[in-house]
């Protein structure tokens, strides 16, 4: 679907996301990020102690608050 077409001039904003875990002050936390592939910038994120669906949903919600919306947006995650 993407065909590696991440042009900043595209009509579709292509976002991707991933999660990881890291130790913060001796405790494990989980980080979800959302990246704009054309701009190569992190446009949303969320850090929390639980690794559940709210982690990604909150990162996407943060993205919607900080990113200019386009008519067509595509989010890819593995």
PDB file of N, CA and C in Angstrom:
ATOM      1  N   UNK A   1       0.811  -1.193   0.000  1.00  0.00           N
ATOM      2  CA  UNK A   1       0.000   0.000   0.000  1.00  0.00           C
ATOM      3  C   UNK A   1       0.862   1.267   0.000  1.00  0.00           C
ATOM      4  N   UNK A   2       1.932   1.264   0.775  1.00  0.00           N
ATOM      5  CA  UNK A   2       2.770   2.463   0.850  1.00  0.00           C
ATOM      6  C   UNK A   2       3.718   2.594  -0.332  1.00  0.00           C
ATOM      7  N   UNK A   3       4.267   1.480  -0.799  1.00  0.00           N
ATOM      8  CA  UNK A   3       5.235   1.481  -1.904  1.00  0.00           C
ATOM      9  C   UNK A   3       6.390   2.458  -1.690  1.00  0.00           C
ATOM     10  N   UNK A   4       6.722   2.702  -0.429  1.00  0.00           N
ATOM     11  CA  UNK A   4       7.835   3.590  -0.071  1.00  0.00           C
ATOM     12  C   UNK A   4       7.701   4.992  -0.649  1.00  0.00           C
ATOM     13  N   UNK A   5       6.494   5.456  -0.844  1.00  0.00           N
ATOM     14  CA  UNK A   5       6.235   6.809  -1.350  1.00  0.00           C
ATOM     15  C   UNK A   5       5.930   7.721  -0.167  1.00  0.00           C
ATOM     16  N   UNK A   6       6.937   8.418   0.332  1.00  0.00           N
ATOM     17  CA  UNK A   6       6.789   9.255   1.509  1.00  0.00           C
ATOM     18  C   UNK A   6       7.060  10.715   1.176  1.00  0.00           C
ATOM     19  N   UNK A   7       6.546  11.198   0.097  1.00  0.00           N
ATOM     20  CA  UNK A   7       6.802  12.564  -0.348  1.00  0.00           C
ATOM     21  C   UNK A   7       6.108  13.575   0.554  1.00  0.00           C
ATOM     22  N   UNK A   8       6.810  14.650   0.940  1.00  0.00           N
ATOM     23  CA  UNK A   8       6.163  15.688   1.738  1.00  0.00           C
ATOM     24  C   UNK A   8       5.092  16.437   0.958  1.00  0.00           C
ATOM     25  N   UNK A   9       5.051  16.267  -0.349  1.00  0.00           N
ATOM     26  CA  UNK A   9       4.067  16.958  -1.181  1.00  0.00           C
ATOM     27  C   UNK A   9       2.890  16.053  -1.533  1.00  0.00           C
ATOM     28  N   UNK A  10       2.835  14.883  -0.941  1.00  0.00           N
ATOM     29  CA  UNK A  10       1.758  13.937  -1.210  1.00  0.00           C
ATOM     30  C   UNK A  10       0.446  14.434  -0.609  1.00  0.00           C
ATOM     31  N   UNK A  11      -0.661  14.012  -1.199  1.00  0.00           N
ATOM     32  CA  UNK A  11      -1.977  14.353  -0.662  1.00  0.00           C
ATOM     33  C   UNK A  11      -2.282  13.562   0.605  1.00  0.00           C
ATOM     34  N   UNK A  12      -1.557  12.485   0.829  1.00  0.00           N
ATOM     35  CA  UNK A  12      -1.776  11.632   1.994  1.00  0.00           C
ATOM     36  C   UNK A  12      -0.640  11.821   2.992  1.00  0.00           C
ATOM     37  N   UNK A  13      -0.985  12.096   4.243  1.00  0.00           N
ATOM     38  CA  UNK A  13       0.003  12.152   5.309  1.00  0.00           C
ATOM     39  C   UNK A  13       0.219  10.729   5.803  1.00  0.00           C
ATOM     40  N   UNK A  14       1.454  10.253   5.720  1.00  0.00           N
ATOM     41  CA  UNK A  14       1.765   8.883   6.120  1.00  0.00           C
ATOM     42  C   UNK A  14       2.479   8.917   7.467  1.00  0.00           C
ATOM     43  N   UNK A  15       1.864   8.255   8.437  1.00  0.00           N
ATOM     44  CA  UNK A  15       2.407   8.169   9.782  1.00  0.00           C
ATOM     45  C   UNK A  15       2.741   6.716  10.082  1.00  0.00           C
ATOM     46  N   UNK A  16       3.755   6.507  10.901  1.00  0.00           N
ATOM     47  CA  UNK A  16       4.048   5.156  11.362  1.00  0.00           C
ATOM     48  C   UNK A  16       4.296   5.218  12.859  1.00  0.00           C
ATOM     49  N   UNK A  17       4.220   4.081  13.502  1.00  0.00           N
ATOM     50  CA  UNK A  17       4.408   4.067  14.944  1.00  0.00           C
ATOM     51  C   UNK A  17       5.054   2.789  15.420  1.00  0.00           C
ATOM     52  N   UNK A  18       5.593   2.881  16.623  1.00  0.00           N
ATOM     53  CA  UNK A  18       6.199   1.718  17.247  1.00  0.00           C
ATOM     54  C   UNK A  18       6.226   1.939  18.751  1.00  0.00           C
ATOM     55  N   UNK A  19       6.466   0.860  19.481  1.00  0.00           N
ATOM     56  CA  UNK A  19       6.587   0.942  20.934  1.00  0.00           C
ATOM     57  C   UNK A  19       7.897   0.303  21.360  1.00  0.00           C
ATOM     58  N   UNK A  20       8.371   0.722  22.509  1.00  0.00           N
ATOM     59  CA  UNK A  20       9.560   0.127  23.108  1.00  0.00           C
ATOM     60  C   UNK A  20       9.439   0.267  24.619  1.00  0.00           C
ATOM     61  N   UNK A  21      10.357  -0.323  25.330  1.00  0.00           N
ATOM     62  CA  UNK A  21      10.361  -0.186  26.782  1.00  0.00           C
ATOM     63  C   UNK A  21      11.716   0.330  27.224  1.00  0.00           C
ATOM     64  N   UNK A  22      11.704   1.051  28.342  1.00  0.00           N
ATOM     65  CA  UNK A  22      12.942   1.584  28.885  1.00  0.00           C
ATOM     66  C   UNK A  22      12.805   1.749  30.380  1.00  0.00           C
ATOM     67  N   UNK A  23      13.936   1.748  31.052  1.00  0.00           N
ATOM     68  CA  UNK A  23      13.947   1.873  32.501  1.00  0.00           C
ATOM     69  C   UNK A  23      14.095   3.346  32.874  1.00  0.00           C
ATOM     70  N   UNK A  24      13.163   3.833  33.683  1.00  0.00           N
ATOM     71  CA  UNK A  24      13.175   5.217  34.146  1.00  0.00           C
ATOM     72  C   UNK A  24      13.153   5.186  35.665  1.00  0.00           C
ATOM     73  N   UNK A  25      14.170   5.714  36.289  1.00  0.00           N
ATOM     74  CA  UNK A  25      14.305   5.739  37.745  1.00  0.00           C
ATOM     75  C   UNK A  25      14.073   4.357  38.354  1.00  0.00           C
ATOM     76  N   UNK A  26      14.652   3.341  37.717  1.00  0.00           N
ATOM     77  CA  UNK A  26      14.596   1.983  38.235  1.00  0.00           C
ATOM     78  C   UNK A  26      13.328   1.213  37.925  1.00  0.00           C
ATOM     79  N   UNK A  27      12.387   1.814  37.207  1.00  0.00           N
ATOM     80  CA  UNK A  27      11.130   1.136  36.867  1.00  0.00           C
ATOM     81  C   UNK A  27      10.959   1.077  35.354  1.00  0.00           C
ATOM     82  N   UNK A  28      10.352  -0.019  34.878  1.00  0.00           N
ATOM     83  CA  UNK A  28      10.109  -0.162  33.447  1.00  0.00           C
ATOM     84  C   UNK A  28       8.915   0.679  33.025  1.00  0.00           C
ATOM     85  N   UNK A  29       9.092   1.392  31.931  1.00  0.00           N
ATOM     86  CA  UNK A  29       8.032   2.187  31.312  1.00  0.00           C
ATOM     87  C   UNK A  29       7.981   1.816  29.830  1.00  0.00           C
ATOM     88  N   UNK A  30       6.870   2.157  29.211  1.00  0.00           N
ATOM     89  CA  UNK A  30       6.669   1.857  27.795  1.00  0.00           C
ATOM     90  C   UNK A  30       6.470   3.155  27.034  1.00  0.00           C
ATOM     91  N   UNK A  31       7.106   3.253  25.892  1.00  0.00           N
ATOM     92  CA  UNK A  31       7.062   4.452  25.064  1.00  0.00           C
ATOM     93  C   UNK A  31       6.470   4.099  23.707  1.00  0.00           C
ATOM     94  N   UNK A  32       5.464   4.860  23.307  1.00  0.00           N
ATOM     95  CA  UNK A  32       4.901   4.737  21.959  1.00  0.00           C
ATOM     96  C   UNK A  32       5.202   6.032  21.228  1.00  0.00           C
ATOM     97  N   UNK A  33       5.664   5.932  20.001  1.00  0.00           N
ATOM     98  CA  UNK A  33       5.913   7.121  19.189  1.00  0.00           C
ATOM     99  C   UNK A  33       5.134   7.023  17.885  1.00  0.00           C
ATOM    100  N   UNK A  34       4.820   8.191  17.347  1.00  0.00           N
ATOM    101  CA  UNK A  34       4.214   8.297  16.022  1.00  0.00           C
ATOM    102  C   UNK A  34       5.117   9.220  15.220  1.00  0.00           C
ATOM    103  N   UNK A  35       5.489   8.788  14.023  1.00  0.00           N
ATOM    104  CA  UNK A  35       6.416   9.547  13.185  1.00  0.00           C
ATOM    105  C   UNK A  35       5.775   9.869  11.842  1.00  0.00           C
ATOM    106  N   UNK A  36       5.999  11.089  11.370  1.00  0.00           N
ATOM    107  CA  UNK A  36       5.605  11.478  10.020  1.00  0.00           C
ATOM    108  C   UNK A  36       6.733  11.023   9.099  1.00  0.00           C
ATOM    109  N   UNK A  37       6.438  10.102   8.200  1.00  0.00           N
ATOM    110  CA  UNK A  37       7.495   9.521   7.364  1.00  0.00           C
ATOM    111  C   UNK A  37       8.078  10.509   6.362  1.00  0.00           C
ATOM    112  N   UNK A  38       7.273  11.409   5.839  1.00  0.00           N
ATOM    113  CA  UNK A  38       7.785  12.369   4.860  1.00  0.00           C
ATOM    114  C   UNK A  38       8.720  13.378   5.519  1.00  0.00           C
ATOM    115  N   UNK A  39       8.364  13.819   6.720  1.00  0.00           N
ATOM    116  CA  UNK A  39       9.170  14.823   7.423  1.00  0.00           C
ATOM    117  C   UNK A  39      10.265  14.202   8.275  1.00  0.00           C
ATOM    118  N   UNK A  40      10.171  12.898   8.510  1.00  0.00           N
ATOM    119  CA  UNK A  40      11.126  12.189   9.369  1.00  0.00           C
ATOM    120  C   UNK A  40      11.170  12.819  10.762  1.00  0.00           C
ATOM    121  N   UNK A  41       9.985  13.132  11.292  1.00  0.00           N
ATOM    122  CA  UNK A  41       9.893  13.749  12.616  1.00  0.00           C
ATOM    123  C   UNK A  41       8.904  12.991  13.487  1.00  0.00           C
ATOM    124  N   UNK A  42       9.217  12.918  14.782  1.00  0.00           N
ATOM    125  CA  UNK A  42       8.256  12.389  15.747  1.00  0.00           C
ATOM    126  C   UNK A  42       7.195  13.457  15.954  1.00  0.00           C
ATOM    127  N   UNK A  43       5.934  13.080  15.739  1.00  0.00           N
ATOM    128  CA  UNK A  43       4.835  14.042  15.835  1.00  0.00           C
ATOM    129  C   UNK A  43       3.889  13.716  16.983  1.00  0.00           C
ATOM    130  N   UNK A  44       4.102  12.594  17.647  1.00  0.00           N
ATOM    131  CA  UNK A  44       3.287  12.233  18.799  1.00  0.00           C
ATOM    132  C   UNK A  44       3.979  11.158  19.608  1.00  0.00           C
ATOM    133  N   UNK A  45       3.698  11.146  20.912  1.00  0.00           N
ATOM    134  CA  UNK A  45       4.317  10.145  21.770  1.00  0.00           C
ATOM    135  C   UNK A  45       3.522  10.003  23.059  1.00  0.00           C
ATOM    136  N   UNK A  46       3.784   8.918  23.760  1.00  0.00           N
ATOM    137  CA  UNK A  46       3.183   8.672  25.064  1.00  0.00           C
ATOM    138  C   UNK A  46       4.108   7.746  25.836  1.00  0.00           C
ATOM    139  N   UNK A  47       4.329   8.064  27.124  1.00  0.00           N
ATOM    140  CA  UNK A  47       5.143   7.251  28.023  1.00  0.00           C
ATOM    141  C   UNK A  47       4.268   6.869  29.205  1.00  0.00           C
ATOM    142  N   UNK A  48       4.199   5.565  29.515  1.00  0.00           N
ATOM    143  CA  UNK A  48       3.405   5.136  30.667  1.00  0.00           C
ATOM    144  C   UNK A  48       3.932   3.814  31.205  1.00  0.00           C
ATOM    145  N   UNK A  49       3.461   3.449  32.395  1.00  0.00           N
ATOM    146  CA  UNK A  49       3.927   2.223  33.050  1.00  0.00           C
ATOM    147  C   UNK A  49       3.251   0.966  32.520  1.00  0.00           C
ATOM    148  N   UNK A  50       2.065   1.099  31.947  1.00  0.00           N
ATOM    149  CA  UNK A  50       1.342  -0.062  31.441  1.00  0.00           C
ATOM    150  C   UNK A  50       1.532  -0.184  29.930  1.00  0.00           C
ATOM    151  N   UNK A  51       1.667  -1.428  29.476  1.00  0.00           N
ATOM    152  CA  UNK A  51       1.775  -1.694  28.038  1.00  0.00           C
ATOM    153  C   UNK A  51       0.432  -2.241  27.583  1.00  0.00           C
ATOM    154  N   UNK A  52      -0.453  -1.329  27.196  1.00  0.00           N
ATOM    155  CA  UNK A  52      -1.785  -1.729  26.760  1.00  0.00           C
ATOM    156  C   UNK A  52      -2.231  -0.834  25.609  1.00  0.00           C
ATOM    157  N   UNK A  53      -3.459  -1.028  25.167  1.00  0.00           N
ATOM    158  CA  UNK A  53      -3.952  -0.296  23.993  1.00  0.00           C
ATOM    159  C   UNK A  53      -3.987   1.210  24.214  1.00  0.00           C
ATOM    160  N   UNK A  54      -4.185   1.655  25.450  1.00  0.00           N
ATOM    161  CA  UNK A  54      -4.248   3.105  25.690  1.00  0.00           C
ATOM    162  C   UNK A  54      -2.922   3.783  25.375  1.00  0.00           C
ATOM    163  N   UNK A  55      -1.830   3.051  25.464  1.00  0.00           N
ATOM    164  CA  UNK A  55      -0.516   3.611  25.141  1.00  0.00           C
ATOM    165  C   UNK A  55      -0.496   4.141  23.711  1.00  0.00           C
ATOM    166  N   UNK A  56      -0.922   3.327  22.769  1.00  0.00           N
ATOM    167  CA  UNK A  56      -0.913   3.719  21.355  1.00  0.00           C
ATOM    168  C   UNK A  56      -2.026   4.722  21.057  1.00  0.00           C
ATOM    169  N   UNK A  57      -3.199   4.506  21.628  1.00  0.00           N
ATOM    170  CA  UNK A  57      -4.319   5.435  21.409  1.00  0.00           C
ATOM    171  C   UNK A  57      -3.953   6.829  21.897  1.00  0.00           C
ATOM    172  N   UNK A  58      -3.337   6.923  23.067  1.00  0.00           N
ATOM    173  CA  UNK A  58      -2.932   8.233  23.592  1.00  0.00           C
ATOM    174  C   UNK A  58      -1.850   8.877  22.728  1.00  0.00           C
ATOM    175  N   UNK A  59      -0.927   8.076  22.189  1.00  0.00           N
ATOM    176  CA  UNK A  59       0.095   8.621  21.286  1.00  0.00           C
ATOM    177  C   UNK A  59      -0.549   9.158  20.013  1.00  0.00           C
ATOM    178  N   UNK A  60      -1.531   8.444  19.482  1.00  0.00           N
ATOM    179  CA  UNK A  60      -2.244   8.920  18.291  1.00  0.00           C
ATOM    180  C   UNK A  60      -3.060  10.175  18.597  1.00  0.00           C
ATOM    181  N   UNK A  61      -3.698  10.215  19.763  1.00  0.00           N
ATOM    182  CA  UNK A  61      -4.441  11.416  20.156  1.00  0.00           C
ATOM    183  C   UNK A  61      -3.510  12.618  20.289  1.00  0.00           C
ATOM    184  N   UNK A  62      -2.330  12.406  20.855  1.00  0.00           N
ATOM    185  CA  UNK A  62      -1.339  13.483  20.958  1.00  0.00           C
ATOM    186  C   UNK A  62      -0.952  13.970  19.566  1.00  0.00           C
ATOM    187  N   UNK A  63      -0.815  13.039  18.635  1.00  0.00           N
ATOM    188  CA  UNK A  63      -0.489  13.385  17.252  1.00  0.00           C
ATOM    189  C   UNK A  63      -1.565  14.270  16.639  1.00  0.00           C
ATOM    190  N   UNK A  64      -2.815  13.939  16.868  1.00  0.00           N
ATOM    191  CA  UNK A  64      -3.917  14.716  16.289  1.00  0.00           C
ATOM    192  C   UNK A  64      -3.962  16.137  16.853  1.00  0.00           C
ATOM    193  N   UNK A  65      -3.467  16.320  18.070  1.00  0.00           N
ATOM    194  CA  UNK A  65      -3.433  17.654  18.678  1.00  0.00           C
ATOM    195  C   UNK A  65      -2.273  18.501  18.167  1.00  0.00           C
ATOM    196  N   UNK A  66      -1.203  17.853  17.717  1.00  0.00           N
ATOM    197  CA  UNK A  66       0.014  18.589  17.366  1.00  0.00           C
ATOM    198  C   UNK A  66       0.323  18.603  15.873  1.00  0.00           C
ATOM    199  N   UNK A  67      -0.484  17.935  15.071  1.00  0.00           N
ATOM    200  CA  UNK A  67      -0.206  17.793  13.647  1.00  0.00           C
ATOM    201  C   UNK A  67      -1.314  18.428  12.826  1.00  0.00           C
ATOM    202  N   UNK A  68      -0.910  19.127  11.780  1.00  0.00           N
ATOM    203  CA  UNK A  68      -1.905  19.666  10.858  1.00  0.00           C
ATOM    204  C   UNK A  68      -2.581  18.503  10.146  1.00  0.00           C
ATOM    205  N   UNK A  69      -3.884  18.472  10.222  1.00  0.00           N
ATOM    206  CA  UNK A  69      -4.629  17.365   9.608  1.00  0.00           C
ATOM    207  C   UNK A  69      -4.791  17.579   8.114  1.00  0.00           C
ATOM    208  N   UNK A  70      -4.696  16.490   7.404  1.00  0.00           N
ATOM    209  CA  UNK A  70      -4.961  16.504   5.971  1.00  0.00           C
ATOM    210  C   UNK A  70      -6.179  15.629   5.712  1.00  0.00           C
ATOM    211  N   UNK A  71      -6.706  15.735   4.522  1.00  0.00           N
ATOM    212  CA  UNK A  71      -7.905  14.958   4.199  1.00  0.00           C
ATOM    213  C   UNK A  71      -7.640  13.459   4.279  1.00  0.00           C
ATOM    214  N   UNK A  72      -6.447  13.064   3.871  1.00  0.00           N
ATOM    215  CA  UNK A  72      -6.094  11.643   3.875  1.00  0.00           C
ATOM    216  C   UNK A  72      -4.885  11.413   4.770  1.00  0.00           C
ATOM    217  N   UNK A  73      -5.083  10.595   5.797  1.00  0.00           N
ATOM    218  CA  UNK A  73      -3.992  10.227   6.691  1.00  0.00           C
ATOM    219  C   UNK A  73      -3.950   8.710   6.782  1.00  0.00           C
ATOM    220  N   UNK A  74      -2.733   8.168   6.757  1.00  0.00           N
ATOM    221  CA  UNK A  74      -2.540   6.727   6.824  1.00  0.00           C
ATOM    222  C   UNK A  74      -1.571   6.434   7.961  1.00  0.00           C
ATOM    223  N   UNK A  75      -1.944   5.511   8.850  1.00  0.00           N
ATOM    224  CA  UNK A  75      -1.084   5.115   9.958  1.00  0.00           C
ATOM    225  C   UNK A  75      -0.664   3.667   9.756  1.00  0.00           C
ATOM    226  N   UNK A  76       0.655   3.418   9.825  1.00  0.00           N
ATOM    227  CA  UNK A  76       1.197   2.072   9.645  1.00  0.00           C
ATOM    228  C   UNK A  76       1.964   1.666  10.892  1.00  0.00           C
ATOM    229  N   UNK A  77       1.719   0.449  11.349  1.00  0.00           N
ATOM    230  CA  UNK A  77       2.458  -0.104  12.477  1.00  0.00           C
ATOM    231  C   UNK A  77       2.570  -1.609  12.280  1.00  0.00           C
ATOM    232  N   UNK A  78       3.628  -2.178  12.783  1.00  0.00           N
ATOM    233  CA  UNK A  78       3.787  -3.639  12.663  1.00  0.00           C
ATOM    234  C   UNK A  78       3.569  -4.293  13.994  1.00  0.00           C
TER     235      UNK A  78
END
